[in-house]
């Protein structure tokens, strides 16, 4: 497999990766300041997952699911 085939330089992919990574950094900072591990872990996941995703639709879907995770967990009573 060619290593360059994993490199995605599509402008939409780069912008979406930056947006979700920035939101992930916000989750991380919030979790660290509040001492809550759920937003901390989700923040790290949001910052890292674009490295392993090459499809724009997957970036959006996974990012939105990760962002909703803490809210759903708090609503259900897991967090």
N, C-alpha and C. Protein backbone atom coordinates (compact mmCIF):
# COMPACT_ATOMS: atom_id res chain seq x y z
N UNK A 1 0.85 -1.18 0.00
CA UNK A 1 0.00 0.00 0.00
C UNK A 1 0.89 1.25 0.00
N UNK A 2 0.54 2.16 -0.83
CA UNK A 2 1.29 3.41 -0.94
C UNK A 2 0.97 4.32 0.25
N UNK A 3 1.97 4.79 0.98
CA UNK A 3 1.70 5.66 2.14
C UNK A 3 0.98 6.95 1.75
N UNK A 4 1.17 7.42 0.54
CA UNK A 4 0.52 8.66 0.11
C UNK A 4 -0.98 8.47 -0.11
N UNK A 5 -1.42 7.22 -0.24
CA UNK A 5 -2.85 6.99 -0.44
C UNK A 5 -3.63 7.26 0.85
N UNK A 6 -2.96 7.23 1.99
CA UNK A 6 -3.61 7.53 3.26
C UNK A 6 -3.67 9.03 3.53
N UNK A 7 -2.93 9.81 2.79
CA UNK A 7 -2.91 11.26 2.98
C UNK A 7 -4.05 11.88 2.19
N UNK A 8 -4.96 12.52 2.90
CA UNK A 8 -6.13 13.13 2.27
C UNK A 8 -5.98 14.65 2.35
N UNK A 9 -5.79 15.31 1.22
CA UNK A 9 -5.62 16.75 1.21
C UNK A 9 -6.84 17.48 0.65
N UNK A 10 -7.99 16.84 0.72
CA UNK A 10 -9.23 17.47 0.30
C UNK A 10 -9.51 18.64 1.26
N UNK A 11 -9.78 19.83 0.74
CA UNK A 11 -10.00 21.00 1.61
C UNK A 11 -11.13 20.79 2.62
N UNK A 12 -12.22 20.15 2.22
CA UNK A 12 -13.32 19.92 3.15
C UNK A 12 -12.90 18.99 4.27
N UNK A 13 -12.13 17.98 3.94
CA UNK A 13 -11.64 17.05 4.97
C UNK A 13 -10.75 17.79 5.97
N UNK A 14 -9.87 18.62 5.46
CA UNK A 14 -8.96 19.36 6.36
C UNK A 14 -9.73 20.33 7.25
N UNK A 15 -10.71 21.03 6.70
CA UNK A 15 -11.49 21.98 7.50
C UNK A 15 -12.31 21.25 8.56
N UNK A 16 -12.97 20.17 8.16
CA UNK A 16 -13.77 19.42 9.12
C UNK A 16 -12.90 18.79 10.20
N UNK A 17 -11.74 18.31 9.83
CA UNK A 17 -10.82 17.76 10.83
C UNK A 17 -10.40 18.83 11.83
N UNK A 18 -10.12 20.02 11.33
CA UNK A 18 -9.74 21.12 12.21
C UNK A 18 -10.90 21.52 13.12
N UNK A 19 -12.11 21.58 12.58
CA UNK A 19 -13.27 21.96 13.39
C UNK A 19 -13.51 20.94 14.50
N UNK A 20 -13.55 19.67 14.17
CA UNK A 20 -13.82 18.65 15.19
C UNK A 20 -12.67 18.52 16.18
N UNK A 21 -11.44 18.73 15.74
CA UNK A 21 -10.31 18.70 16.67
C UNK A 21 -10.36 19.88 17.63
N UNK A 22 -10.77 21.04 17.15
CA UNK A 22 -10.91 22.22 18.02
C UNK A 22 -12.02 22.01 19.04
N UNK A 23 -13.13 21.45 18.61
CA UNK A 23 -14.21 21.15 19.54
C UNK A 23 -13.74 20.11 20.56
N UNK A 24 -12.97 19.14 20.10
CA UNK A 24 -12.40 18.13 20.99
C UNK A 24 -11.48 18.75 22.03
N UNK A 25 -10.72 19.74 21.63
CA UNK A 25 -9.86 20.42 22.59
C UNK A 25 -10.70 21.12 23.65
N UNK A 26 -11.83 21.69 23.24
CA UNK A 26 -12.74 22.31 24.20
C UNK A 26 -13.31 21.30 25.17
N UNK A 27 -13.73 20.15 24.68
CA UNK A 27 -14.21 19.08 25.55
C UNK A 27 -13.11 18.66 26.52
N UNK A 28 -11.91 18.51 26.01
CA UNK A 28 -10.78 18.09 26.84
C UNK A 28 -10.53 19.08 27.97
N UNK A 29 -10.49 20.37 27.63
CA UNK A 29 -10.25 21.40 28.65
C UNK A 29 -11.37 21.43 29.68
N UNK A 30 -12.61 21.31 29.22
CA UNK A 30 -13.74 21.30 30.14
C UNK A 30 -13.65 20.11 31.09
N UNK A 31 -13.38 18.92 30.55
CA UNK A 31 -13.27 17.73 31.38
C UNK A 31 -12.14 17.82 32.37
N UNK A 32 -11.04 18.41 31.96
CA UNK A 32 -9.90 18.55 32.86
C UNK A 32 -10.20 19.52 33.99
N UNK A 33 -10.83 20.65 33.67
CA UNK A 33 -11.15 21.65 34.69
C UNK A 33 -12.23 21.17 35.65
N UNK A 34 -13.20 20.43 35.15
CA UNK A 34 -14.30 19.96 35.99
C UNK A 34 -13.97 18.65 36.70
N UNK A 35 -12.90 18.01 36.31
CA UNK A 35 -12.55 16.72 36.89
C UNK A 35 -13.49 15.61 36.43
N UNK A 36 -14.07 15.78 35.25
CA UNK A 36 -15.02 14.81 34.70
C UNK A 36 -14.32 14.04 33.58
N UNK A 37 -14.24 12.73 33.74
CA UNK A 37 -13.46 11.94 32.78
C UNK A 37 -14.17 11.74 31.45
N UNK A 38 -15.50 11.77 31.42
CA UNK A 38 -16.21 11.53 30.17
C UNK A 38 -15.91 12.58 29.10
N UNK A 39 -16.06 13.89 29.39
CA UNK A 39 -15.69 14.87 28.36
C UNK A 39 -14.19 14.85 28.03
N UNK A 40 -13.38 14.50 29.01
CA UNK A 40 -11.94 14.42 28.79
C UNK A 40 -11.62 13.34 27.75
N UNK A 41 -12.21 12.18 27.91
CA UNK A 41 -11.97 11.07 26.98
C UNK A 41 -12.56 11.38 25.60
N UNK A 42 -13.76 11.95 25.58
CA UNK A 42 -14.39 12.30 24.30
C UNK A 42 -13.56 13.37 23.59
N UNK A 43 -13.01 14.30 24.35
CA UNK A 43 -12.16 15.33 23.76
C UNK A 43 -10.93 14.75 23.08
N UNK A 44 -10.29 13.81 23.75
CA UNK A 44 -9.12 13.16 23.15
C UNK A 44 -9.54 12.39 21.90
N UNK A 45 -10.67 11.71 21.98
CA UNK A 45 -11.15 10.95 20.81
C UNK A 45 -11.45 11.89 19.64
N UNK A 46 -12.07 13.04 19.92
CA UNK A 46 -12.37 14.00 18.85
C UNK A 46 -11.10 14.57 18.22
N UNK A 47 -10.06 14.71 19.01
CA UNK A 47 -8.81 15.24 18.46
C UNK A 47 -8.04 14.21 17.65
N UNK A 48 -8.24 12.92 17.94
CA UNK A 48 -7.42 11.88 17.33
C UNK A 48 -8.09 11.19 16.15
N UNK A 49 -9.41 11.02 16.20
CA UNK A 49 -10.06 10.17 15.19
C UNK A 49 -9.90 10.65 13.74
N UNK A 50 -9.76 11.95 13.44
CA UNK A 50 -9.58 12.32 12.03
C UNK A 50 -8.31 11.72 11.40
N UNK A 51 -7.34 11.36 12.23
CA UNK A 51 -6.13 10.74 11.69
C UNK A 51 -6.41 9.35 11.12
N UNK A 52 -7.47 8.71 11.59
CA UNK A 52 -7.77 7.34 11.19
C UNK A 52 -8.96 7.26 10.24
N UNK A 53 -9.53 8.38 9.88
CA UNK A 53 -10.71 8.42 9.02
C UNK A 53 -10.34 9.13 7.72
N UNK A 54 -10.68 8.53 6.59
CA UNK A 54 -10.31 9.14 5.32
C UNK A 54 -11.51 9.63 4.53
N UNK A 55 -12.70 9.31 4.97
CA UNK A 55 -13.91 9.68 4.26
C UNK A 55 -14.56 10.90 4.94
N UNK A 56 -14.99 11.88 4.16
CA UNK A 56 -15.57 13.10 4.71
C UNK A 56 -16.86 12.79 5.47
N UNK A 57 -17.70 11.94 4.91
CA UNK A 57 -18.95 11.59 5.58
C UNK A 57 -18.68 10.91 6.91
N UNK A 58 -17.67 10.04 6.95
CA UNK A 58 -17.32 9.37 8.21
C UNK A 58 -16.81 10.36 9.23
N UNK A 59 -16.05 11.37 8.80
CA UNK A 59 -15.56 12.39 9.72
C UNK A 59 -16.73 13.11 10.37
N UNK A 60 -17.73 13.47 9.58
CA UNK A 60 -18.89 14.20 10.10
C UNK A 60 -19.71 13.31 11.03
N UNK A 61 -20.01 12.10 10.60
CA UNK A 61 -20.87 11.21 11.40
C UNK A 61 -20.21 10.85 12.73
N UNK A 62 -18.96 10.43 12.67
CA UNK A 62 -18.25 10.06 13.90
C UNK A 62 -18.09 11.27 14.82
N UNK A 63 -17.78 12.42 14.25
CA UNK A 63 -17.63 13.63 15.05
C UNK A 63 -18.92 14.01 15.76
N UNK A 64 -20.03 13.96 15.04
CA UNK A 64 -21.32 14.30 15.66
C UNK A 64 -21.71 13.28 16.73
N UNK A 65 -21.46 12.02 16.48
CA UNK A 65 -21.76 11.00 17.49
C UNK A 65 -20.90 11.17 18.74
N UNK A 66 -19.63 11.45 18.55
CA UNK A 66 -18.77 11.68 19.71
C UNK A 66 -19.18 12.92 20.48
N UNK A 67 -19.56 13.97 19.76
CA UNK A 67 -19.98 15.20 20.44
C UNK A 67 -21.26 14.98 21.24
N UNK A 68 -22.16 14.14 20.75
CA UNK A 68 -23.42 13.90 21.45
C UNK A 68 -23.26 12.92 22.60
N UNK A 69 -22.19 12.17 22.61
CA UNK A 69 -21.99 11.13 23.63
C UNK A 69 -22.13 11.60 25.06
N UNK A 70 -21.44 12.65 25.49
CA UNK A 70 -21.58 13.08 26.89
C UNK A 70 -22.98 13.55 27.24
N UNK A 71 -23.67 14.17 26.31
CA UNK A 71 -25.03 14.62 26.59
C UNK A 71 -25.99 13.46 26.75
N UNK A 72 -25.83 12.45 25.91
CA UNK A 72 -26.67 11.26 26.00
C UNK A 72 -26.36 10.50 27.30
N UNK A 73 -25.06 10.40 27.62
CA UNK A 73 -24.67 9.69 28.83
C UNK A 73 -25.19 10.39 30.08
N UNK A 74 -25.16 11.71 30.10
CA UNK A 74 -25.69 12.46 31.25
C UNK A 74 -27.20 12.30 31.35
N UNK A 75 -27.88 12.29 30.19
CA UNK A 75 -29.34 12.14 30.18
C UNK A 75 -29.78 10.77 30.65
N UNK A 76 -29.00 9.74 30.33
CA UNK A 76 -29.35 8.38 30.71
C UNK A 76 -28.92 8.12 32.17
N UNK A 77 -27.97 8.91 32.64
CA UNK A 77 -27.51 8.74 34.02
C UNK A 77 -26.21 7.98 34.14
N UNK A 78 -25.47 7.82 33.04
CA UNK A 78 -24.20 7.10 33.09
C UNK A 78 -23.05 7.98 33.56
N UNK A 79 -23.21 9.28 33.44
CA UNK A 79 -22.06 10.15 33.75
C UNK A 79 -22.29 11.10 34.87
